[in-house]
PDB file of N, CA and C in Angstrom:
ATOM      1  N   MET A   1      -1.083  -7.441  21.034  1.00  0.00           N
ATOM      2  CA  MET A   1       0.146  -7.148  20.331  1.00  0.00           C
ATOM      3  C   MET A   1      -0.177  -6.286  19.102  1.00  0.00           C
ATOM      4  N   ALA A   2       0.445  -5.139  19.020  1.00  0.00           N
ATOM      5  CA  ALA A   2       0.194  -4.211  17.916  1.00  0.00           C
ATOM      6  C   ALA A   2       0.923  -4.680  16.662  1.00  0.00           C
ATOM      7  N   VAL A   3       0.298  -4.413  15.529  1.00  0.00           N
ATOM      8  CA  VAL A   3       0.907  -4.747  14.240  1.00  0.00           C
ATOM      9  C   VAL A   3       1.912  -3.650  13.895  1.00  0.00           C
ATOM     10  N   GLU A   4       3.127  -4.065  13.545  1.00  0.00           N
ATOM     11  CA  GLU A   4       4.135  -3.085  13.160  1.00  0.00           C
ATOM     12  C   GLU A   4       3.758  -2.479  11.818  1.00  0.00           C
ATOM     13  N   ARG A   5       3.801  -1.167  11.759  1.00  0.00           N
ATOM     14  CA  ARG A   5       3.467  -0.459  10.528  1.00  0.00           C
ATOM     15  C   ARG A   5       4.696  -0.393   9.644  1.00  0.00           C
ATOM     16  N   ILE A   6       4.628  -1.004   8.481  1.00  0.00           N
ATOM     17  CA  ILE A   6       5.767  -1.044   7.568  1.00  0.00           C
ATOM     18  C   ILE A   6       5.499  -0.206   6.323  1.00  0.00           C
ATOM     19  N   ASN A   7       4.260  -0.183   5.872  1.00  0.00           N
ATOM     20  CA  ASN A   7       3.967   0.603   4.666  1.00  0.00           C
ATOM     21  C   ASN A   7       2.897   1.657   4.939  1.00  0.00           C
ATOM     22  N   ARG A   8       2.820   2.621   4.036  1.00  0.00           N
ATOM     23  CA  ARG A   8       1.879   3.738   4.134  1.00  0.00           C
ATOM     24  C   ARG A   8       0.832   3.695   3.026  1.00  0.00           C
ATOM     25  N   ILE A   9       0.575   2.525   2.470  1.00  0.00           N
ATOM     26  CA  ILE A   9      -0.354   2.431   1.340  1.00  0.00           C
ATOM     27  C   ILE A   9      -1.722   3.006   1.709  1.00  0.00           C
ATOM     28  N   LYS A  10      -2.236   2.633   2.864  1.00  0.00           N
ATOM     29  CA  LYS A  10      -3.554   3.113   3.289  1.00  0.00           C
ATOM     30  C   LYS A  10      -3.563   4.637   3.411  1.00  0.00           C
ATOM     31  N   GLU A  11      -2.511   5.208   4.003  1.00  0.00           N
ATOM     32  CA  GLU A  11      -2.429   6.666   4.158  1.00  0.00           C
ATOM     33  C   GLU A  11      -2.423   7.371   2.808  1.00  0.00           C
ATOM     34  N   VAL A  12      -1.650   6.842   1.871  1.00  0.00           N
ATOM     35  CA  VAL A  12      -1.570   7.463   0.544  1.00  0.00           C
ATOM     36  C   VAL A  12      -2.925   7.377  -0.165  1.00  0.00           C
ATOM     37  N   LEU A  13      -3.606   6.254  -0.027  1.00  0.00           N
ATOM     38  CA  LEU A  13      -4.944   6.124  -0.624  1.00  0.00           C
ATOM     39  C   LEU A  13      -5.893   7.176  -0.056  1.00  0.00           C
ATOM     40  N   VAL A  14      -5.867   7.361   1.258  1.00  0.00           N
ATOM     41  CA  VAL A  14      -6.744   8.347   1.900  1.00  0.00           C
ATOM     42  C   VAL A  14      -6.405   9.748   1.403  1.00  0.00           C
ATOM     43  N   ILE A  15      -5.120  10.082   1.358  1.00  0.00           N
ATOM     44  CA  ILE A  15      -4.690  11.403   0.889  1.00  0.00           C
ATOM     45  C   ILE A  15      -5.183  11.660  -0.534  1.00  0.00           C
ATOM     46  N   GLN A  16      -5.120  10.619  -1.369  1.00  0.00           N
ATOM     47  CA  GLN A  16      -5.523  10.775  -2.772  1.00  0.00           C
ATOM     48  C   GLN A  16      -7.022  10.578  -2.995  1.00  0.00           C
ATOM     49  N   GLY A  17      -7.747  10.202  -1.947  1.00  0.00           N
ATOM     50  CA  GLY A  17      -9.182   9.998  -2.080  1.00  0.00           C
ATOM     51  C   GLY A  17      -9.538   8.759  -2.894  1.00  0.00           C
ATOM     52  N   LYS A  18      -8.678   7.765  -2.838  1.00  0.00           N
ATOM     53  CA  LYS A  18      -8.899   6.527  -3.599  1.00  0.00           C
ATOM     54  C   LYS A  18      -9.246   5.396  -2.632  1.00  0.00           C
ATOM     55  N   SER A  19      -9.941   4.393  -3.135  1.00  0.00           N
ATOM     56  CA  SER A  19     -10.363   3.287  -2.282  1.00  0.00           C
ATOM     57  C   SER A  19      -9.463   2.065  -2.452  1.00  0.00           C
ATOM     58  N   GLN A  20      -9.532   1.196  -1.480  1.00  0.00           N
ATOM     59  CA  GLN A  20      -8.791  -0.062  -1.554  1.00  0.00           C
ATOM     60  C   GLN A  20      -9.330  -0.934  -2.687  1.00  0.00           C
ATOM     61  N   VAL A  21     -10.631  -0.869  -2.928  1.00  0.00           N
ATOM     62  CA  VAL A  21     -11.235  -1.634  -4.022  1.00  0.00           C
ATOM     63  C   VAL A  21     -10.681  -1.142  -5.361  1.00  0.00           C
ATOM     64  N   TRP A  22     -10.601   0.185  -5.518  1.00  0.00           N
ATOM     65  CA  TRP A  22     -10.035   0.766  -6.746  1.00  0.00           C
ATOM     66  C   TRP A  22      -8.601   0.297  -6.943  1.00  0.00           C
ATOM     67  N   LEU A  23      -7.796   0.314  -5.878  1.00  0.00           N
ATOM     68  CA  LEU A  23      -6.407  -0.123  -5.984  1.00  0.00           C
ATOM     69  C   LEU A  23      -6.338  -1.598  -6.339  1.00  0.00           C
ATOM     70  N   ALA A  24      -7.172  -2.411  -5.730  1.00  0.00           N
ATOM     71  CA  ALA A  24      -7.182  -3.848  -6.025  1.00  0.00           C
ATOM     72  C   ALA A  24      -7.486  -4.092  -7.499  1.00  0.00           C
ATOM     73  N   GLU A  25      -8.489  -3.392  -8.017  1.00  0.00           N
ATOM     74  CA  GLU A  25      -8.848  -3.538  -9.430  1.00  0.00           C
ATOM     75  C   GLU A  25      -7.716  -3.055 -10.336  1.00  0.00           C
ATOM     76  N   SER A  26      -7.108  -1.929  -9.992  1.00  0.00           N
ATOM     77  CA  SER A  26      -6.012  -1.374 -10.790  1.00  0.00           C
ATOM     78  C   SER A  26      -4.778  -2.272 -10.760  1.00  0.00           C
ATOM     79  N   LEU A  27      -4.587  -2.950  -9.640  1.00  0.00           N
ATOM     80  CA  LEU A  27      -3.414  -3.795  -9.438  1.00  0.00           C
ATOM     81  C   LEU A  27      -3.629  -5.222  -9.942  1.00  0.00           C
ATOM     82  N   GLY A  28      -4.907  -5.597 -10.113  1.00  0.00           N
ATOM     83  CA  GLY A  28      -5.212  -6.966 -10.519  1.00  0.00           C
ATOM     84  C   GLY A  28      -5.080  -7.955  -9.376  1.00  0.00           C
ATOM     85  N   LYS A  29      -5.321  -7.462  -8.164  1.00  0.00           N
ATOM     86  CA  LYS A  29      -5.256  -8.296  -6.958  1.00  0.00           C
ATOM     87  C   LYS A  29      -6.630  -8.327  -6.311  1.00  0.00           C
ATOM     88  N   SER A  30      -6.819  -9.260  -5.406  1.00  0.00           N
ATOM     89  CA  SER A  30      -8.088  -9.324  -4.683  1.00  0.00           C
ATOM     90  C   SER A  30      -8.155  -8.187  -3.664  1.00  0.00           C
ATOM     91  N   THR A  31      -9.380  -7.799  -3.331  1.00  0.00           N
ATOM     92  CA  THR A  31      -9.534  -6.757  -2.309  1.00  0.00           C
ATOM     93  C   THR A  31      -9.003  -7.262  -0.970  1.00  0.00           C
ATOM     94  N   THR A  32      -9.080  -8.560  -0.735  1.00  0.00           N
ATOM     95  CA  THR A  32      -8.554  -9.144   0.501  1.00  0.00           C
ATOM     96  C   THR A  32      -7.052  -8.916   0.600  1.00  0.00           C
ATOM     97  N   SER A  33      -6.334  -9.119  -0.502  1.00  0.00           N
ATOM     98  CA  SER A  33      -4.883  -8.895  -0.518  1.00  0.00           C
ATOM     99  C   SER A  33      -4.552  -7.435  -0.253  1.00  0.00           C
ATOM    100  N   VAL A  34      -5.242  -6.532  -0.937  1.00  0.00           N
ATOM    101  CA  VAL A  34      -4.962  -5.107  -0.776  1.00  0.00           C
ATOM    102  C   VAL A  34      -5.321  -4.648   0.636  1.00  0.00           C
ATOM    103  N   THR A  35      -6.402  -5.146   1.195  1.00  0.00           N
ATOM    104  CA  THR A  35      -6.767  -4.813   2.569  1.00  0.00           C
ATOM    105  C   THR A  35      -5.675  -5.272   3.530  1.00  0.00           C
ATOM    106  N   ALA A  36      -5.127  -6.458   3.301  1.00  0.00           N
ATOM    107  CA  ALA A  36      -4.037  -6.959   4.146  1.00  0.00           C
ATOM    108  C   ALA A  36      -2.806  -6.067   4.026  1.00  0.00           C
ATOM    109  N   PHE A  37      -2.512  -5.594   2.802  1.00  0.00           N
ATOM    110  CA  PHE A  37      -1.387  -4.659   2.619  1.00  0.00           C
ATOM    111  C   PHE A  37      -1.653  -3.377   3.401  1.00  0.00           C
ATOM    112  N   CYS A  38      -2.858  -2.838   3.257  1.00  0.00           N
ATOM    113  CA  CYS A  38      -3.204  -1.565   3.887  1.00  0.00           C
ATOM    114  C   CYS A  38      -3.196  -1.650   5.406  1.00  0.00           C
ATOM    115  N   ASN A  39      -3.523  -2.804   5.933  1.00  0.00           N
ATOM    116  CA  ASN A  39      -3.544  -2.995   7.384  1.00  0.00           C
ATOM    117  C   ASN A  39      -2.239  -3.569   7.915  1.00  0.00           C
ATOM    118  N   ASN A  40      -1.232  -3.675   7.046  1.00  0.00           N
ATOM    119  CA  ASN A  40       0.084  -4.190   7.409  1.00  0.00           C
ATOM    120  C   ASN A  40       0.028  -5.603   7.990  1.00  0.00           C
ATOM    121  N   LYS A  41      -0.960  -6.383   7.537  1.00  0.00           N
ATOM    122  CA  LYS A  41      -1.038  -7.787   7.952  1.00  0.00           C
ATOM    123  C   LYS A  41      -0.184  -8.648   7.041  1.00  0.00           C
ATOM    124  N   SER A  42       0.053  -8.157   5.824  1.00  0.00           N
ATOM    125  CA  SER A  42       1.004  -8.787   4.905  1.00  0.00           C
ATOM    126  C   SER A  42       1.612  -7.666   4.082  1.00  0.00           C
ATOM    127  N   GLN A  43       2.737  -7.949   3.473  1.00  0.00           N
ATOM    128  CA  GLN A  43       3.431  -6.927   2.696  1.00  0.00           C
ATOM    129  C   GLN A  43       3.471  -7.348   1.231  1.00  0.00           C
ATOM    130  N   PRO A  44       3.299  -6.385   0.337  1.00  0.00           N
ATOM    131  CA  PRO A  44       3.359  -6.716  -1.087  1.00  0.00           C
ATOM    132  C   PRO A  44       4.786  -7.073  -1.492  1.00  0.00           C
ATOM    133  N   HIS A  45       4.901  -7.933  -2.500  1.00  0.00           N
ATOM    134  CA  HIS A  45       6.209  -8.209  -3.079  1.00  0.00           C
ATOM    135  C   HIS A  45       6.728  -6.908  -3.665  1.00  0.00           C
ATOM    136  N   LEU A  46       8.031  -6.803  -3.834  1.00  0.00           N
ATOM    137  CA  LEU A  46       8.641  -5.577  -4.344  1.00  0.00           C
ATOM    138  C   LEU A  46       8.069  -5.168  -5.700  1.00  0.00           C
ATOM    139  N   LYS A  47       7.820  -6.147  -6.589  1.00  0.00           N
ATOM    140  CA  LYS A  47       7.264  -5.806  -7.901  1.00  0.00           C
ATOM    141  C   LYS A  47       5.857  -5.222  -7.758  1.00  0.00           C
ATOM    142  N   ASP A  48       5.078  -5.734  -6.796  1.00  0.00           N
ATOM    143  CA  ASP A  48       3.737  -5.191  -6.560  1.00  0.00           C
ATOM    144  C   ASP A  48       3.820  -3.803  -5.925  1.00  0.00           C
ATOM    145  N   LEU A  49       4.783  -3.605  -5.025  1.00  0.00           N
ATOM    146  CA  LEU A  49       4.962  -2.301  -4.403  1.00  0.00           C
ATOM    147  C   LEU A  49       5.334  -1.261  -5.461  1.00  0.00           C
ATOM    148  N   LYS A  50       6.185  -1.665  -6.406  1.00  0.00           N
ATOM    149  CA  LYS A  50       6.571  -0.763  -7.499  1.00  0.00           C
ATOM    150  C   LYS A  50       5.350  -0.417  -8.351  1.00  0.00           C
ATOM    151  N   LYS A  51       4.522  -1.415  -8.635  1.00  0.00           N
ATOM    152  CA  LYS A  51       3.321  -1.175  -9.441  1.00  0.00           C
ATOM    153  C   LYS A  51       2.324  -0.278  -8.694  1.00  0.00           C
ATOM    154  N   ILE A  52       2.195  -0.478  -7.386  1.00  0.00           N
ATOM    155  CA  ILE A  52       1.317   0.377  -6.577  1.00  0.00           C
ATOM    156  C   ILE A  52       1.798   1.827  -6.653  1.00  0.00           C
ATOM    157  N   ALA A  53       3.111   2.019  -6.547  1.00  0.00           N
ATOM    158  CA  ALA A  53       3.676   3.372  -6.651  1.00  0.00           C
ATOM    159  C   ALA A  53       3.354   3.986  -8.007  1.00  0.00           C
ATOM    160  N   GLU A  54       3.457   3.202  -9.061  1.00  0.00           N
ATOM    161  CA  GLU A  54       3.146   3.697 -10.404  1.00  0.00           C
ATOM    162  C   GLU A  54       1.664   4.057 -10.517  1.00  0.00           C
ATOM    163  N   ILE A  55       0.796   3.185 -10.028  1.00  0.00           N
ATOM    164  CA  ILE A  55      -0.646   3.421 -10.092  1.00  0.00           C
ATOM    165  C   ILE A  55      -1.019   4.694  -9.329  1.00  0.00           C
ATOM    166  N   LEU A  56      -0.399   4.882  -8.154  1.00  0.00           N
ATOM    167  CA  LEU A  56      -0.707   6.050  -7.325  1.00  0.00           C
ATOM    168  C   LEU A  56       0.122   7.275  -7.707  1.00  0.00           C
ATOM    169  N   ASP A  57       1.030   7.099  -8.675  1.00  0.00           N
ATOM    170  CA  ASP A  57       1.877   8.181  -9.155  1.00  0.00           C
ATOM    171  C   ASP A  57       2.665   8.834  -8.017  1.00  0.00           C
ATOM    172  N   VAL A  58       3.321   7.979  -7.219  1.00  0.00           N
ATOM    173  CA  VAL A  58       4.181   8.449  -6.135  1.00  0.00           C
ATOM    174  C   VAL A  58       5.510   7.713  -6.213  1.00  0.00           C
ATOM    175  N   ASP A  59       6.520   8.283  -5.591  1.00  0.00           N
ATOM    176  CA  ASP A  59       7.804   7.615  -5.466  1.00  0.00           C
ATOM    177  C   ASP A  59       7.605   6.422  -4.521  1.00  0.00           C
ATOM    178  N   ILE A  60       8.217   5.306  -4.833  1.00  0.00           N
ATOM    179  CA  ILE A  60       8.045   4.098  -4.021  1.00  0.00           C
ATOM    180  C   ILE A  60       8.389   4.357  -2.561  1.00  0.00           C
ATOM    181  N   ARG A  61       9.316   5.268  -2.316  1.00  0.00           N
ATOM    182  CA  ARG A  61       9.710   5.573  -0.934  1.00  0.00           C
ATOM    183  C   ARG A  61       8.578   6.200  -0.140  1.00  0.00           C
ATOM    184  N   GLU A  62       7.622   6.835  -0.826  1.00  0.00           N
ATOM    185  CA  GLU A  62       6.479   7.428  -0.126  1.00  0.00           C
ATOM    186  C   GLU A  62       5.532   6.362   0.423  1.00  0.00           C
ATOM    187  N   LEU A  63       5.685   5.130  -0.053  1.00  0.00           N
ATOM    188  CA  LEU A  63       4.814   4.052   0.427  1.00  0.00           C
ATOM    189  C   LEU A  63       5.415   3.319   1.619  1.00  0.00           C
ATOM    190  N   LEU A  64       6.645   3.676   1.968  1.00  0.00           N
ATOM    191  CA  LEU A  64       7.342   2.985   3.046  1.00  0.00           C
ATOM    192  C   LEU A  64       7.440   3.876   4.280  1.00  0.00           C
ATOM    193  N   VAL A  65       7.438   3.236   5.444  1.00  0.00           N
ATOM    194  CA  VAL A  65       7.585   3.943   6.701  1.00  0.00           C
ATOM    195  C   VAL A  65       9.072   4.070   6.992  1.00  0.00           C
ATOM    196  N   SER A  66       9.505   5.264   7.310  1.00  0.00           N
ATOM    197  CA  SER A  66      10.906   5.487   7.627  1.00  0.00           C
ATOM    198  C   SER A  66      11.278   4.763   8.915  1.00  0.00           C
ATOM    199  N   THR A  67      12.438   4.157   8.926  1.00  0.00           N
ATOM    200  CA  THR A  67      12.916   3.492  10.132  1.00  0.00           C
ATOM    201  C   THR A  67      13.850   4.403  10.923  1.00  0.00           C
ATOM    202  N   LYS A  68      14.088   5.605  10.398  1.00  0.00           N
ATOM    203  CA  LYS A  68      14.932   6.570  11.109  1.00  0.00           C
ATOM    204  C   LYS A  68      14.176   7.163  12.279  1.00  0.00           C
ATOM    205  N   GLU A  69      14.845   7.359  13.350  1.00  0.00           N
ATOM    206  CA  GLU A  69      14.223   7.944  14.541  1.00  0.00           C
ATOM    207  C   GLU A  69      14.375   9.442  14.516  1.00  0.00           C
TER     208      GLU A  69
END
């Protein structure tokens, strides 16, 4: 069973050349939590998603996968 992709955090990190460890440290979360976010195994709370957008200097919508076909 494939994991549904809900966020683009991992893609944005790759585009910006940043690591999951760097994001975890910047966010004040464990690397395990950030890895789970990046692999869409769990989703960040909205306040954490907003903070991730601020840290990565992107619009929060860039971290989300469009549901439009």
